[in-house]
Amino acid sequence: MEKALDRKIKMIWDFRGPRAANTAEHYQKHLAEFVIIEELKFDITGFEHFSDTHSIAYLVVAEFEMEEVREILKPQRGEVYLEGY
């Protein structure tokens, strides 16, 4: 079992509307740049499309980085990241 501060947290930004897919893909590029600039522990970013009008971009951070990154980037929500799920 992982200790609490070793957990990975998936920060999520929701995009809705007819351009949701393009916006999520574009935002993911900025998240990848942020990872490099801030030298975050993990290099895990991505996007997912759920429908023609709902997509997300996400960034996975170490739990100890979560509060600072949350204050800077203001994600709409987050969840514990489980690899392979």
PDB file of N, CA and C in Angstrom:
ATOM      1  N   MET A   1       0.846  -1.195   0.000  1.00  0.00           N
ATOM      2  CA  MET A   1       0.000   0.000   0.000  1.00  0.00           C
ATOM      3  C   MET A   1       0.881   1.246   0.000  1.00  0.00           C
ATOM      4  N   GLU A   2       0.546   2.195  -0.848  1.00  0.00           N
ATOM      5  CA  GLU A   2       1.317   3.431  -0.929  1.00  0.00           C
ATOM      6  C   GLU A   2       1.037   4.310   0.287  1.00  0.00           C
ATOM      7  N   LYS A   3       2.074   4.973   0.769  1.00  0.00           N
ATOM      8  CA  LYS A   3       1.874   5.969   1.812  1.00  0.00           C
ATOM      9  C   LYS A   3       1.166   7.162   1.185  1.00  0.00           C
ATOM     10  N   ALA A   4       0.444   7.910   1.991  1.00  0.00           N
ATOM     11  CA  ALA A   4      -0.383   9.010   1.470  1.00  0.00           C
ATOM     12  C   ALA A   4       0.413   9.978   0.598  1.00  0.00           C
ATOM     13  N   LEU A   5       1.601  10.385   1.030  1.00  0.00           N
ATOM     14  CA  LEU A   5       2.341  11.379   0.258  1.00  0.00           C
ATOM     15  C   LEU A   5       3.024  10.789  -0.972  1.00  0.00           C
ATOM     16  N   ASP A   6       2.973   9.480  -1.137  1.00  0.00           N
ATOM     17  CA  ASP A   6       3.531   8.832  -2.320  1.00  0.00           C
ATOM     18  C   ASP A   6       2.479   8.648  -3.416  1.00  0.00           C
ATOM     19  N   ARG A   7       1.236   8.947  -3.090  1.00  0.00           N
ATOM     20  CA  ARG A   7       0.173   8.739  -4.077  1.00  0.00           C
ATOM     21  C   ARG A   7       0.309   9.710  -5.242  1.00  0.00           C
ATOM     22  N   LYS A   8      -0.221   9.280  -6.373  1.00  0.00           N
ATOM     23  CA  LYS A   8      -0.277  10.139  -7.556  1.00  0.00           C
ATOM     24  C   LYS A   8      -1.689  10.712  -7.643  1.00  0.00           C
ATOM     25  N   ILE A   9      -1.762  12.015  -7.909  1.00  0.00           N
ATOM     26  CA  ILE A   9      -3.049  12.695  -8.001  1.00  0.00           C
ATOM     27  C   ILE A   9      -3.259  13.175  -9.436  1.00  0.00           C
ATOM     28  N   LYS A  10      -4.391  12.835 -10.000  1.00  0.00           N
ATOM     29  CA  LYS A  10      -4.743  13.247 -11.362  1.00  0.00           C
ATOM     30  C   LYS A  10      -5.597  14.513 -11.272  1.00  0.00           C
ATOM     31  N   MET A  11      -5.020  15.630 -11.709  1.00  0.00           N
ATOM     32  CA  MET A  11      -5.737  16.897 -11.734  1.00  0.00           C
ATOM     33  C   MET A  11      -6.426  17.014 -13.087  1.00  0.00           C
ATOM     34  N   ILE A  12      -7.691  17.426 -13.071  1.00  0.00           N
ATOM     35  CA  ILE A  12      -8.514  17.351 -14.273  1.00  0.00           C
ATOM     36  C   ILE A  12      -9.138  18.703 -14.602  1.00  0.00           C
ATOM     37  N   TRP A  13      -9.087  19.049 -15.883  1.00  0.00           N
ATOM     38  CA  TRP A  13      -9.750  20.240 -16.421  1.00  0.00           C
ATOM     39  C   TRP A  13     -10.784  19.763 -17.429  1.00  0.00           C
ATOM     40  N   ASP A  14     -12.042  20.142 -17.221  1.00  0.00           N
ATOM     41  CA  ASP A  14     -13.134  19.774 -18.128  1.00  0.00           C
ATOM     42  C   ASP A  14     -13.333  20.857 -19.180  1.00  0.00           C
ATOM     43  N   PHE A  15     -13.579  20.424 -20.393  1.00  0.00           N
ATOM     44  CA  PHE A  15     -13.897  21.335 -21.488  1.00  0.00           C
ATOM     45  C   PHE A  15     -15.175  20.852 -22.141  1.00  0.00           C
ATOM     46  N   ARG A  16     -16.092  21.788 -22.363  1.00  0.00           N
ATOM     47  CA  ARG A  16     -17.394  21.437 -22.927  1.00  0.00           C
ATOM     48  C   ARG A  16     -17.709  22.344 -24.106  1.00  0.00           C
ATOM     49  N   GLY A  17     -18.498  21.821 -25.002  1.00  0.00           N
ATOM     50  CA  GLY A  17     -18.898  22.591 -26.172  1.00  0.00           C
ATOM     51  C   GLY A  17     -18.330  21.981 -27.437  1.00  0.00           C
ATOM     52  N   PRO A  18     -18.653  22.552 -28.582  1.00  0.00           N
ATOM     53  CA  PRO A  18     -18.251  21.972 -29.865  1.00  0.00           C
ATOM     54  C   PRO A  18     -16.730  21.945 -30.092  1.00  0.00           C
ATOM     55  N   ARG A  19     -15.963  22.769 -29.387  1.00  0.00           N
ATOM     56  CA  ARG A  19     -14.504  22.791 -29.551  1.00  0.00           C
ATOM     57  C   ARG A  19     -13.787  22.125 -28.377  1.00  0.00           C
ATOM     58  N   ALA A  20     -14.529  21.375 -27.572  1.00  0.00           N
ATOM     59  CA  ALA A  20     -13.958  20.765 -26.370  1.00  0.00           C
ATOM     60  C   ALA A  20     -12.738  19.898 -26.687  1.00  0.00           C
ATOM     61  N   ALA A  21     -12.807  19.087 -27.732  1.00  0.00           N
ATOM     62  CA  ALA A  21     -11.707  18.185 -28.065  1.00  0.00           C
ATOM     63  C   ALA A  21     -10.446  18.971 -28.417  1.00  0.00           C
ATOM     64  N   ASN A  22     -10.572  19.958 -29.276  1.00  0.00           N
ATOM     65  CA  ASN A  22      -9.407  20.758 -29.669  1.00  0.00           C
ATOM     66  C   ASN A  22      -8.826  21.516 -28.477  1.00  0.00           C
ATOM     67  N   THR A  23      -9.703  22.044 -27.635  1.00  0.00           N
ATOM     68  CA  THR A  23      -9.243  22.812 -26.484  1.00  0.00           C
ATOM     69  C   THR A  23      -8.501  21.914 -25.498  1.00  0.00           C
ATOM     70  N   ALA A  24      -9.028  20.730 -25.232  1.00  0.00           N
ATOM     71  CA  ALA A  24      -8.371  19.803 -24.306  1.00  0.00           C
ATOM     72  C   ALA A  24      -6.998  19.386 -24.835  1.00  0.00           C
ATOM     73  N   GLU A  25      -6.897  19.091 -26.113  1.00  0.00           N
ATOM     74  CA  GLU A  25      -5.613  18.699 -26.694  1.00  0.00           C
ATOM     75  C   GLU A  25      -4.610  19.850 -26.618  1.00  0.00           C
ATOM     76  N   HIS A  26      -5.066  21.060 -26.867  1.00  0.00           N
ATOM     77  CA  HIS A  26      -4.190  22.231 -26.785  1.00  0.00           C
ATOM     78  C   HIS A  26      -3.745  22.475 -25.340  1.00  0.00           C
ATOM     79  N   TYR A  27      -4.674  22.365 -24.402  1.00  0.00           N
ATOM     80  CA  TYR A  27      -4.345  22.600 -22.992  1.00  0.00           C
ATOM     81  C   TYR A  27      -3.331  21.572 -22.491  1.00  0.00           C
ATOM     82  N   GLN A  28      -3.453  20.335 -22.973  1.00  0.00           N
ATOM     83  CA  GLN A  28      -2.506  19.287 -22.567  1.00  0.00           C
ATOM     84  C   GLN A  28      -1.082  19.665 -22.943  1.00  0.00           C
ATOM     85  N   LYS A  29      -0.897  20.329 -24.064  1.00  0.00           N
ATOM     86  CA  LYS A  29       0.447  20.767 -24.464  1.00  0.00           C
ATOM     87  C   LYS A  29       1.013  21.753 -23.449  1.00  0.00           C
ATOM     88  N   HIS A  30       0.175  22.654 -22.957  1.00  0.00           N
ATOM     89  CA  HIS A  30       0.623  23.607 -21.935  1.00  0.00           C
ATOM     90  C   HIS A  30       0.944  22.895 -20.623  1.00  0.00           C
ATOM     91  N   LEU A  31       0.161  21.878 -20.286  1.00  0.00           N
ATOM     92  CA  LEU A  31       0.446  21.118 -19.069  1.00  0.00           C
ATOM     93  C   LEU A  31       1.795  20.409 -19.180  1.00  0.00           C
ATOM     94  N   ALA A  32       2.100  19.850 -20.353  1.00  0.00           N
ATOM     95  CA  ALA A  32       3.397  19.186 -20.561  1.00  0.00           C
ATOM     96  C   ALA A  32       4.542  20.184 -20.421  1.00  0.00           C
ATOM     97  N   GLU A  33       4.358  21.389 -20.925  1.00  0.00           N
ATOM     98  CA  GLU A  33       5.378  22.439 -20.760  1.00  0.00           C
ATOM     99  C   GLU A  33       5.555  22.795 -19.283  1.00  0.00           C
ATOM    100  N   PHE A  34       4.446  22.862 -18.553  1.00  0.00           N
ATOM    101  CA  PHE A  34       4.479  23.181 -17.126  1.00  0.00           C
ATOM    102  C   PHE A  34       5.294  22.140 -16.356  1.00  0.00           C
ATOM    103  N   VAL A  35       5.118  20.876 -16.699  1.00  0.00           N
ATOM    104  CA  VAL A  35       5.865  19.792 -16.050  1.00  0.00           C
ATOM    105  C   VAL A  35       7.366  20.036 -16.175  1.00  0.00           C
ATOM    106  N   ILE A  36       7.804  20.411 -17.363  1.00  0.00           N
ATOM    107  CA  ILE A  36       9.232  20.640 -17.617  1.00  0.00           C
ATOM    108  C   ILE A  36       9.728  21.875 -16.866  1.00  0.00           C
ATOM    109  N   ILE A  37       8.989  22.956 -16.972  1.00  0.00           N
ATOM    110  CA  ILE A  37       9.408  24.217 -16.343  1.00  0.00           C
ATOM    111  C   ILE A  37       9.489  24.079 -14.826  1.00  0.00           C
ATOM    112  N   GLU A  38       8.494  23.432 -14.230  1.00  0.00           N
ATOM    113  CA  GLU A  38       8.426  23.306 -12.774  1.00  0.00           C
ATOM    114  C   GLU A  38       9.182  22.088 -12.240  1.00  0.00           C
ATOM    115  N   GLU A  39       9.732  21.271 -13.150  1.00  0.00           N
ATOM    116  CA  GLU A  39      10.482  20.073 -12.771  1.00  0.00           C
ATOM    117  C   GLU A  39       9.683  19.177 -11.824  1.00  0.00           C
ATOM    118  N   LEU A  40       8.449  18.859 -12.236  1.00  0.00           N
ATOM    119  CA  LEU A  40       7.593  18.011 -11.427  1.00  0.00           C
ATOM    120  C   LEU A  40       8.116  16.580 -11.424  1.00  0.00           C
ATOM    121  N   LYS A  41       7.718  15.827 -10.412  1.00  0.00           N
ATOM    122  CA  LYS A  41       8.216  14.461 -10.225  1.00  0.00           C
ATOM    123  C   LYS A  41       7.810  13.532 -11.377  1.00  0.00           C
ATOM    124  N   PHE A  42       6.573  13.687 -11.857  1.00  0.00           N
ATOM    125  CA  PHE A  42       6.071  12.802 -12.915  1.00  0.00           C
ATOM    126  C   PHE A  42       5.849  13.580 -14.205  1.00  0.00           C
ATOM    127  N   ASP A  43       6.022  12.901 -15.309  1.00  0.00           N
ATOM    128  CA  ASP A  43       5.791  13.479 -16.631  1.00  0.00           C
ATOM    129  C   ASP A  43       4.581  12.774 -17.241  1.00  0.00           C
ATOM    130  N   ILE A  44       3.434  12.956 -16.585  1.00  0.00           N
ATOM    131  CA  ILE A  44       2.218  12.286 -17.040  1.00  0.00           C
ATOM    132  C   ILE A  44       1.152  13.347 -17.295  1.00  0.00           C
ATOM    133  N   THR A  45       0.827  13.545 -18.557  1.00  0.00           N
ATOM    134  CA  THR A  45      -0.253  14.438 -18.959  1.00  0.00           C
ATOM    135  C   THR A  45      -1.048  13.728 -20.049  1.00  0.00           C
ATOM    136  N   GLY A  46      -2.228  14.242 -20.324  1.00  0.00           N
ATOM    137  CA  GLY A  46      -2.999  13.636 -21.395  1.00  0.00           C
ATOM    138  C   GLY A  46      -4.329  14.323 -21.580  1.00  0.00           C
ATOM    139  N   PHE A  47      -5.121  13.745 -22.468  1.00  0.00           N
ATOM    140  CA  PHE A  47      -6.472  14.226 -22.708  1.00  0.00           C
ATOM    141  C   PHE A  47      -7.333  13.031 -23.040  1.00  0.00           C
ATOM    142  N   GLU A  48      -8.633  13.186 -22.816  1.00  0.00           N
ATOM    143  CA  GLU A  48      -9.609  12.140 -23.129  1.00  0.00           C
ATOM    144  C   GLU A  48     -10.851  12.818 -23.685  1.00  0.00           C
ATOM    145  N   HIS A  49     -11.483  12.151 -24.645  1.00  0.00           N
ATOM    146  CA  HIS A  49     -12.716  12.662 -25.241  1.00  0.00           C
ATOM    147  C   HIS A  49     -13.852  11.718 -24.840  1.00  0.00           C
ATOM    148  N   PHE A  50     -14.887  12.290 -24.252  1.00  0.00           N
ATOM    149  CA  PHE A  50     -16.023  11.485 -23.797  1.00  0.00           C
ATOM    150  C   PHE A  50     -17.216  11.582 -24.734  1.00  0.00           C
ATOM    151  N   SER A  51     -17.337  12.704 -25.425  1.00  0.00           N
ATOM    152  CA  SER A  51     -18.418  12.892 -26.400  1.00  0.00           C
ATOM    153  C   SER A  51     -17.997  14.027 -27.324  1.00  0.00           C
ATOM    154  N   ASP A  52     -18.865  14.384 -28.241  1.00  0.00           N
ATOM    155  CA  ASP A  52     -18.561  15.490 -29.151  1.00  0.00           C
ATOM    156  C   ASP A  52     -18.457  16.824 -28.418  1.00  0.00           C
ATOM    157  N   THR A  53     -18.982  16.871 -27.208  1.00  0.00           N
ATOM    158  CA  THR A  53     -19.013  18.150 -26.485  1.00  0.00           C
ATOM    159  C   THR A  53     -18.398  18.088 -25.084  1.00  0.00           C
ATOM    160  N   HIS A  54     -17.687  17.009 -24.762  1.00  0.00           N
ATOM    161  CA  HIS A  54     -17.043  16.919 -23.443  1.00  0.00           C
ATOM    162  C   HIS A  54     -15.704  16.207 -23.564  1.00  0.00           C
ATOM    163  N   SER A  55     -14.645  16.922 -23.211  1.00  0.00           N
ATOM    164  CA  SER A  55     -13.289  16.373 -23.187  1.00  0.00           C
ATOM    165  C   SER A  55     -12.588  16.882 -21.931  1.00  0.00           C
ATOM    166  N   ILE A  56     -11.529  16.195 -21.557  1.00  0.00           N
ATOM    167  CA  ILE A  56     -10.728  16.643 -20.418  1.00  0.00           C
ATOM    168  C   ILE A  56      -9.249  16.676 -20.797  1.00  0.00           C
ATOM    169  N   ALA A  57      -8.512  17.496 -20.083  1.00  0.00           N
ATOM    170  CA  ALA A  57      -7.054  17.442 -20.083  1.00  0.00           C
ATOM    171  C   ALA A  57      -6.672  17.126 -18.647  1.00  0.00           C
ATOM    172  N   TYR A  58      -5.554  16.414 -18.459  1.00  0.00           N
ATOM    173  CA  TYR A  58      -5.167  16.078 -17.101  1.00  0.00           C
ATOM    174  C   TYR A  58      -3.656  16.100 -16.924  1.00  0.00           C
ATOM    175  N   LEU A  59      -3.276  16.247 -15.667  1.00  0.00           N
ATOM    176  CA  LEU A  59      -1.882  16.277 -15.235  1.00  0.00           C
ATOM    177  C   LEU A  59      -1.798  15.443 -13.970  1.00  0.00           C
ATOM    178  N   VAL A  60      -0.831  14.536 -13.912  1.00  0.00           N
ATOM    179  CA  VAL A  60      -0.632  13.710 -12.721  1.00  0.00           C
ATOM    180  C   VAL A  60       0.561  14.255 -11.951  1.00  0.00           C
ATOM    181  N   VAL A  61       0.330  14.505 -10.660  1.00  0.00           N
ATOM    182  CA  VAL A  61       1.375  15.040  -9.791  1.00  0.00           C
ATOM    183  C   VAL A  61       1.534  14.146  -8.570  1.00  0.00           C
ATOM    184  N   ALA A  62       2.692  14.255  -7.927  1.00  0.00           N
ATOM    185  CA  ALA A  62       2.885  13.602  -6.637  1.00  0.00           C
ATOM    186  C   ALA A  62       2.035  14.337  -5.613  1.00  0.00           C
ATOM    187  N   GLU A  63       1.525  13.629  -4.642  1.00  0.00           N
ATOM    188  CA  GLU A  63       0.633  14.266  -3.669  1.00  0.00           C
ATOM    189  C   GLU A  63       1.291  15.448  -2.966  1.00  0.00           C
ATOM    190  N   PHE A  64       2.606  15.364  -2.712  1.00  0.00           N
ATOM    191  CA  PHE A  64       3.272  16.481  -2.040  1.00  0.00           C
ATOM    192  C   PHE A  64       3.341  17.732  -2.922  1.00  0.00           C
ATOM    193  N   GLU A  65       3.152  17.599  -4.232  1.00  0.00           N
ATOM    194  CA  GLU A  65       3.156  18.739  -5.156  1.00  0.00           C
ATOM    195  C   GLU A  65       1.754  19.312  -5.383  1.00  0.00           C
ATOM    196  N   MET A  66       0.751  18.570  -4.955  1.00  0.00           N
ATOM    197  CA  MET A  66      -0.628  18.875  -5.317  1.00  0.00           C
ATOM    198  C   MET A  66      -1.074  20.278  -4.916  1.00  0.00           C
ATOM    199  N   GLU A  67      -0.864  20.658  -3.691  1.00  0.00           N
ATOM    200  CA  GLU A  67      -1.386  21.944  -3.216  1.00  0.00           C
ATOM    201  C   GLU A  67      -0.813  23.118  -4.013  1.00  0.00           C
ATOM    202  N   GLU A  68       0.492  23.113  -4.230  1.00  0.00           N
ATOM    203  CA  GLU A  68       1.121  24.215  -4.963  1.00  0.00           C
ATOM    204  C   GLU A  68       0.634  24.261  -6.413  1.00  0.00           C
ATOM    205  N   VAL A  69       0.592  23.108  -7.067  1.00  0.00           N
ATOM    206  CA  VAL A  69       0.148  23.060  -8.464  1.00  0.00           C
ATOM    207  C   VAL A  69      -1.322  23.467  -8.558  1.00  0.00           C
ATOM    208  N   ARG A  70      -2.132  23.030  -7.615  1.00  0.00           N
ATOM    209  CA  ARG A  70      -3.558  23.381  -7.605  1.00  0.00           C
ATOM    210  C   ARG A  70      -3.749  24.896  -7.510  1.00  0.00           C
ATOM    211  N   GLU A  71      -2.952  25.551  -6.680  1.00  0.00           N
ATOM    212  CA  GLU A  71      -3.059  27.006  -6.538  1.00  0.00           C
ATOM    213  C   GLU A  71      -2.677  27.733  -7.832  1.00  0.00           C
ATOM    214  N   ILE A  72      -1.694  27.209  -8.545  1.00  0.00           N
ATOM    215  CA  ILE A  72      -1.226  27.847  -9.775  1.00  0.00           C
ATOM    216  C   ILE A  72      -2.181  27.584 -10.945  1.00  0.00           C
ATOM    217  N   LEU A  73      -2.592  26.329 -11.130  1.00  0.00           N
ATOM    218  CA  LEU A  73      -3.321  25.940 -12.345  1.00  0.00           C
ATOM    219  C   LEU A  73      -4.836  25.839 -12.197  1.00  0.00           C
ATOM    220  N   LYS A  74      -5.346  25.766 -10.984  1.00  0.00           N
ATOM    221  CA  LYS A  74      -6.787  25.770 -10.711  1.00  0.00           C
ATOM    222  C   LYS A  74      -7.585  24.695 -11.485  1.00  0.00           C
ATOM    223  N   PRO A  75      -7.277  23.419 -11.280  1.00  0.00           N
ATOM    224  CA  PRO A  75      -8.083  22.378 -11.934  1.00  0.00           C
ATOM    225  C   PRO A  75      -9.505  22.366 -11.378  1.00  0.00           C
ATOM    226  N   GLN A  76     -10.448  21.844 -12.156  1.00  0.00           N
ATOM    227  CA  GLN A  76     -11.829  21.752 -11.679  1.00  0.00           C
ATOM    228  C   GLN A  76     -12.004  20.628 -10.660  1.00  0.00           C
ATOM    229  N   ARG A  77     -11.213  19.576 -10.810  1.00  0.00           N
ATOM    230  CA  ARG A  77     -11.368  18.428  -9.914  1.00  0.00           C
ATOM    231  C   ARG A  77     -10.111  17.580  -9.934  1.00  0.00           C
ATOM    232  N   GLY A  78     -10.093  16.567  -9.090  1.00  0.00           N
ATOM    233  CA  GLY A  78      -8.952  15.663  -9.039  1.00  0.00           C
ATOM    234  C   GLY A  78      -9.370  14.323  -8.469  1.00  0.00           C
ATOM    235  N   GLU A  79      -8.508  13.349  -8.659  1.00  0.00           N
ATOM    236  CA  GLU A  79      -8.755  12.010  -8.137  1.00  0.00           C
ATOM    237  C   GLU A  79      -7.418  11.311  -7.971  1.00  0.00           C
ATOM    238  N   VAL A  80      -7.424  10.263  -7.166  1.00  0.00           N
ATOM    239  CA  VAL A  80      -6.200   9.459  -7.023  1.00  0.00           C
ATOM    240  C   VAL A  80      -5.967   8.747  -8.361  1.00  0.00           C
ATOM    241  N   TYR A  81      -4.745   8.799  -8.838  1.00  0.00           N
ATOM    242  CA  TYR A  81      -4.389   8.204 -10.131  1.00  0.00           C
ATOM    243  C   TYR A  81      -3.911   6.786  -9.906  1.00  0.00           C
ATOM    244  N   LEU A  82      -4.570   5.854 -10.551  1.00  0.00           N
ATOM    245  CA  LEU A  82      -4.186   4.447 -10.492  1.00  0.00           C
ATOM    246  C   LEU A  82      -3.756   4.011 -11.883  1.00  0.00           C
ATOM    247  N   GLU A  83      -2.504   3.661 -12.016  1.00  0.00           N
ATOM    248  CA  GLU A  83      -1.991   3.269 -13.333  1.00  0.00           C
ATOM    249  C   GLU A  83      -2.688   1.998 -13.808  1.00  0.00           C
ATOM    250  N   GLY A  84      -2.997   1.984 -15.099  1.00  0.00           N
ATOM    251  CA  GLY A  84      -3.618   0.811 -15.683  1.00  0.00           C
ATOM    252  C   GLY A  84      -5.132   0.796 -15.592  1.00  0.00           C
ATOM    253  N   TYR A  85      -5.734   1.824 -15.006  1.00  0.00           N
ATOM    254  CA  TYR A  85      -7.186   1.878 -14.887  1.00  0.00           C
ATOM    255  C   TYR A  85      -7.750   2.975 -15.728  1.00  0.00           C
TER     256      TYR A  85
END
